[in-house]
Amino acid sequence: MSQTPYVRHFDRLDFGLDNSVWDFARERHAEIDALFAELKRAQPALFNGRVLLMHRYAIDNGTMRGAFLEADYASFVAWQRWGREDARIYDCFAAAAIQSTDGAFLLGVMGRHTYNAGQIYFPCGTPDPSDIVNGSTVDFDFSVRRELQEETGLDPEALTVEPGWSLVFEGSLIAGIKVMRSPLAAEPLRALILENMARERQPELADIRIIRGPADFDPMMRGFAKAFLAHRFSVA
């Protein structure tokens, strides 16, 4: 069930992978397979890869600790479409809040071939096994840089990274947002990202939006993005 999102700052994230099995995916695999086959008929580019989902967390003195399990993307999509009925699972991911030198934030519009077509939010993605380091650590710092580069073509090393994380809690959705500042103003930064996207055969994003304040909010913006931006603009 959707809940009013709220934002909380954390100095550190300490996430790991364990060997837990997701009962929902095991018990309803036939229904899940049928749903995903139906979705692929409408969006052939969908791929049933492996993803990491949080199944418990705790908060202690500015640190959020959490445990993830591995599942298939089809089960994750089914869980979302069927009302996120397993309350023990959290859709927890890292997102790059790209900020220009003149204070604007740049968000992506998801491409027509993607599952979230038309929705507007920060470069991000469900963590996957490539985000695991040292055997069992789920590395959100690595994940956010990977997603940023894959979706925008920007070099994370060219950006100034804000310490800590802003986590947006919205029911079972937990967005870990990392502010990453560019030395470019908003318009040339958008032009650079669009130029990078033009080199891709099938870019994940269809467009880049510049958000300078609440007046630029769009109905297609995801709730976690609106909540983070409203919070940042209110304290700026």
Protein backbone atom coordinates (compact mmCIF):
# COMPACT_ATOMS: atom_id res chain seq x y z
CA MET A 1 0.00 0.00 0.00
CA SER A 2 1.31 3.46 -0.88
CA GLN A 3 2.24 5.74 2.01
CA THR A 4 3.19 9.40 2.25
CA PRO A 5 6.93 9.53 1.53
CA TYR A 6 9.38 11.08 3.96
CA VAL A 7 13.11 11.86 3.73
CA ARG A 8 15.82 10.96 6.23
CA HIS A 9 19.58 11.53 6.07
CA PHE A 10 22.07 8.74 6.77
CA ASP A 11 25.82 9.02 7.12
CA ARG A 12 26.41 5.42 6.07
CA LEU A 13 24.71 2.42 4.48
CA ASP A 14 25.77 -1.09 5.47
CA PHE A 15 24.04 -3.60 3.19
CA GLY A 16 24.75 -7.28 2.63
CA LEU A 17 23.47 -10.34 0.76
CA ASP A 18 22.41 -13.53 2.54
CA ASN A 19 21.06 -16.91 1.43
CA SER A 20 17.40 -16.23 2.21
CA VAL A 21 14.84 -17.66 -0.21
CA TRP A 22 11.83 -15.60 -1.25
CA ASP A 23 8.75 -17.75 -0.55
CA PHE A 24 6.55 -15.56 -2.76
CA ALA A 25 8.71 -16.30 -5.83
CA ARG A 26 8.87 -20.03 -5.11
CA GLU A 27 5.21 -20.56 -4.30
CA ARG A 28 3.74 -18.51 -7.17
CA HIS A 29 6.30 -19.19 -9.91
CA ALA A 30 3.71 -20.52 -12.41
CA GLU A 31 1.55 -17.37 -12.12
CA ILE A 32 4.67 -15.21 -12.25
CA ASP A 33 5.92 -16.89 -15.43
CA ALA A 34 2.53 -16.42 -17.09
CA LEU A 35 2.42 -12.72 -16.16
CA PHE A 36 5.92 -12.06 -17.41
CA ALA A 37 5.22 -13.83 -20.71
CA GLU A 38 2.21 -11.55 -21.16
CA LEU A 39 4.28 -8.45 -20.38
CA LYS A 40 6.99 -9.47 -22.84
CA ARG A 41 4.46 -9.74 -25.63
CA ALA A 42 3.73 -6.04 -25.13
CA GLN A 43 7.35 -5.04 -24.35
CA PRO A 44 9.76 -7.52 -25.95
CA ALA A 45 12.81 -5.74 -24.53
CA LEU A 46 11.98 -6.86 -20.97
CA PHE A 47 14.64 -9.22 -19.62
CA ASN A 48 14.21 -11.60 -16.70
CA GLY A 49 17.58 -11.05 -15.06
CA ARG A 50 18.60 -11.37 -11.42
CA VAL A 51 17.90 -8.59 -8.90
CA LEU A 52 18.57 -7.94 -5.22
CA LEU A 53 15.69 -7.10 -2.85
CA MET A 54 15.95 -6.01 0.77
CA HIS A 55 14.13 -8.22 3.26
CA ARG A 56 15.04 -6.60 6.57
CA TYR A 57 16.73 -3.47 7.88
CA ALA A 58 17.64 -1.64 11.08
CA ILE A 59 18.67 1.94 11.88
CA ASP A 60 21.42 2.80 14.36
CA ASN A 61 23.10 6.18 14.99
CA GLY A 62 23.08 7.50 11.44
CA THR A 63 23.69 4.11 9.83
CA MET A 64 21.13 2.00 8.01
CA ARG A 65 21.89 -1.71 7.92
CA GLY A 66 20.02 -4.09 5.65
CA ALA A 67 19.98 -7.64 4.30
CA PHE A 68 19.19 -8.47 0.67
CA LEU A 69 18.15 -11.66 -1.08
CA GLU A 70 18.51 -12.57 -4.74
CA ALA A 71 15.45 -13.09 -6.95
CA ASP A 72 14.43 -12.95 -10.59
CA TYR A 73 13.09 -9.77 -12.17
CA ALA A 74 9.82 -11.46 -13.16
CA SER A 75 9.02 -12.16 -9.50
CA PHE A 76 9.89 -8.58 -8.58
CA VAL A 77 7.55 -7.21 -11.27
CA ALA A 78 4.75 -9.56 -10.18
CA TRP A 79 5.16 -8.46 -6.56
CA GLN A 80 4.83 -4.83 -7.67
CA ARG A 81 1.78 -5.44 -9.86
CA TRP A 82 -0.01 -7.58 -7.29
CA GLY A 83 0.04 -4.93 -4.58
CA ARG A 84 3.41 -5.67 -2.92
CA GLU A 85 1.59 -8.19 -0.74
CA ASP A 86 4.74 -9.60 0.90
CA ALA A 87 5.38 -6.94 3.56
CA ARG A 88 8.80 -8.40 4.37
CA ILE A 89 10.24 -7.24 1.03
CA TYR A 90 11.48 -3.72 0.24
CA ASP A 91 12.21 -2.21 -3.15
CA CYS A 92 15.48 -0.56 -2.08
CA PHE A 93 17.78 0.99 -4.67
CA ALA A 94 20.36 3.74 -5.24
CA ALA A 95 19.56 6.84 -7.31
CA ALA A 96 21.81 9.62 -8.65
CA ALA A 97 20.45 13.13 -8.01
CA ILE A 98 22.44 15.03 -10.63
CA GLN A 99 22.72 18.70 -9.69
CA SER A 100 24.03 21.42 -11.97
CA THR A 101 26.29 24.24 -10.84
CA ASP A 102 23.32 26.64 -10.99
CA GLY A 103 21.31 24.54 -8.54
CA ALA A 104 18.92 22.62 -10.81
CA PHE A 105 18.40 18.86 -10.73
CA LEU A 106 18.27 16.74 -13.89
CA LEU A 107 15.87 13.81 -14.16
CA GLY A 108 15.36 11.22 -16.88
CA VAL A 109 12.21 10.29 -18.79
CA MET A 110 12.06 6.52 -19.18
CA GLY A 111 12.02 5.21 -22.75
CA ARG A 112 8.98 3.61 -24.39
CA HIS A 113 10.62 0.17 -24.44
CA THR A 114 11.16 0.10 -20.65
CA TYR A 115 8.85 -1.24 -17.96
CA ASN A 116 8.38 2.26 -16.46
CA ALA A 117 7.86 3.99 -19.81
CA GLY A 118 7.17 7.71 -19.53
CA GLN A 119 7.90 7.98 -15.83
CA ILE A 120 10.30 10.68 -14.68
CA TYR A 121 12.92 10.16 -11.98
CA PHE A 122 16.64 10.10 -11.21
CA PRO A 123 19.02 7.65 -12.93
CA CYS A 124 18.66 4.50 -10.85
CA GLY A 125 17.90 0.81 -10.98
CA THR A 126 17.18 -2.23 -8.86
CA PRO A 127 20.52 -3.53 -7.53
CA ASP A 128 21.76 -6.71 -9.16
CA PRO A 129 24.58 -9.23 -8.60
CA SER A 130 27.11 -6.91 -10.27
CA ASP A 131 26.71 -4.60 -7.24
CA ILE A 132 28.02 -7.27 -4.85
CA VAL A 133 31.62 -6.79 -3.68
CA ASN A 134 33.82 -8.83 -1.33
CA GLY A 135 31.49 -11.81 -1.64
CA SER A 136 28.42 -10.47 0.16
CA THR A 137 28.47 -6.65 0.45
CA VAL A 138 25.77 -4.86 -1.56
CA ASP A 139 27.64 -1.71 -2.57
CA PHE A 140 25.27 1.21 -3.19
CA ASP A 141 28.16 3.57 -3.93
CA PHE A 142 29.14 1.31 -6.81
CA SER A 143 25.52 0.81 -7.88
CA VAL A 144 24.70 4.52 -8.10
CA ARG A 145 27.80 5.22 -10.18
CA ARG A 146 27.05 2.29 -12.48
CA GLU A 147 23.47 3.43 -13.07
CA LEU A 148 24.55 7.03 -13.63
CA GLN A 149 27.07 6.05 -16.31
CA GLU A 150 24.81 3.50 -18.00
CA GLU A 151 21.82 5.85 -18.30
CA THR A 152 23.48 9.23 -18.89
CA GLY A 153 27.02 8.51 -20.09
CA LEU A 154 28.36 10.91 -17.45
CA ASP A 155 31.69 10.09 -15.81
CA PRO A 156 31.11 9.81 -12.05
CA GLU A 157 34.71 10.93 -11.46
CA ALA A 158 33.86 14.30 -13.02
CA LEU A 159 31.16 14.94 -10.39
CA THR A 160 31.44 16.06 -6.78
CA VAL A 161 29.67 13.57 -4.52
CA GLU A 162 27.83 14.83 -1.45
CA PRO A 163 28.66 12.90 1.74
CA GLY A 164 26.01 10.58 3.12
CA TRP A 165 22.67 9.52 1.68
CA SER A 166 19.13 10.90 1.61
CA LEU A 167 16.74 7.98 1.92
CA VAL A 168 13.14 8.39 0.84
CA PHE A 169 10.78 5.97 2.58
CA GLU A 170 7.50 5.39 0.74
CA GLY A 171 5.88 2.26 2.10
CA SER A 172 7.84 -0.72 0.78
CA LEU A 173 9.91 1.54 -1.49
CA ILE A 174 13.21 2.89 -0.13
CA ALA A 175 15.20 5.13 -2.47
CA GLY A 176 18.79 5.81 -1.48
CA ILE A 177 19.58 9.14 -3.13
CA LYS A 178 23.14 10.36 -3.63
CA VAL A 179 23.59 13.99 -4.69
CA MET A 180 26.24 14.26 -7.43
CA ARG A 181 27.15 17.79 -8.53
CA SER A 182 28.38 18.73 -11.99
CA PRO A 183 30.62 21.72 -12.80
CA LEU A 184 28.26 22.51 -15.70
CA ALA A 185 25.12 24.64 -15.66
CA ALA A 186 21.80 22.90 -16.29
CA GLU A 187 21.36 23.58 -20.02
CA PRO A 188 24.87 22.50 -21.17
CA LEU A 189 24.69 19.53 -18.80
CA ARG A 190 21.39 18.42 -20.34
CA ALA A 191 22.91 18.86 -23.82
CA LEU A 192 25.89 16.69 -22.84
CA ILE A 193 23.66 13.89 -21.54
CA LEU A 194 21.48 14.00 -24.67
CA GLU A 195 24.63 13.82 -26.80
CA ASN A 196 25.77 10.77 -24.85
CA MET A 197 22.34 9.15 -25.20
CA ALA A 198 22.39 9.72 -28.99
CA ARG A 199 25.37 7.36 -29.24
CA GLU A 200 23.38 4.49 -27.74
CA ARG A 201 21.52 2.05 -29.98
CA GLN A 202 18.60 1.90 -27.54
CA PRO A 203 19.08 4.33 -24.64
CA GLU A 204 17.12 3.64 -21.50
CA LEU A 205 16.07 7.29 -21.25
CA ALA A 206 14.00 9.17 -23.81
CA ASP A 207 14.66 12.69 -22.55
CA ILE A 208 16.18 14.76 -19.73
CA ARG A 209 14.15 17.22 -17.67
CA ILE A 210 15.56 20.21 -15.77
CA ILE A 211 13.91 20.84 -12.39
CA ARG A 212 14.65 24.20 -10.78
CA GLY A 213 11.83 24.16 -8.25
CA PRO A 214 8.36 22.78 -7.45
CA ALA A 215 6.88 24.72 -10.39
CA ASP A 216 8.73 22.29 -12.70
CA PHE A 217 7.20 19.18 -11.13
CA ASP A 218 5.42 16.93 -13.62
CA PRO A 219 2.55 14.48 -12.95
CA MET A 220 4.75 11.70 -14.39
CA MET A 221 7.42 12.22 -11.72
CA ARG A 222 7.74 9.34 -9.28
CA GLY A 223 6.73 10.02 -5.70
CA PHE A 224 10.20 9.44 -4.26
CA ALA A 225 11.71 11.98 -6.66
CA LYS A 226 9.09 14.60 -5.80
CA ALA A 227 9.56 13.99 -2.07
CA PHE A 228 13.33 14.36 -2.26
CA LEU A 229 13.19 17.48 -4.43
CA ALA A 230 10.48 19.13 -2.32
CA HIS A 231 12.65 18.52 0.74
CA ARG A 232 15.81 19.90 -0.90
CA PHE A 233 14.12 22.99 -2.31
CA SER A 234 12.47 23.73 1.06
CA VAL A 235 15.81 23.77 2.90
CA ALA A 236 17.88 25.43 0.15
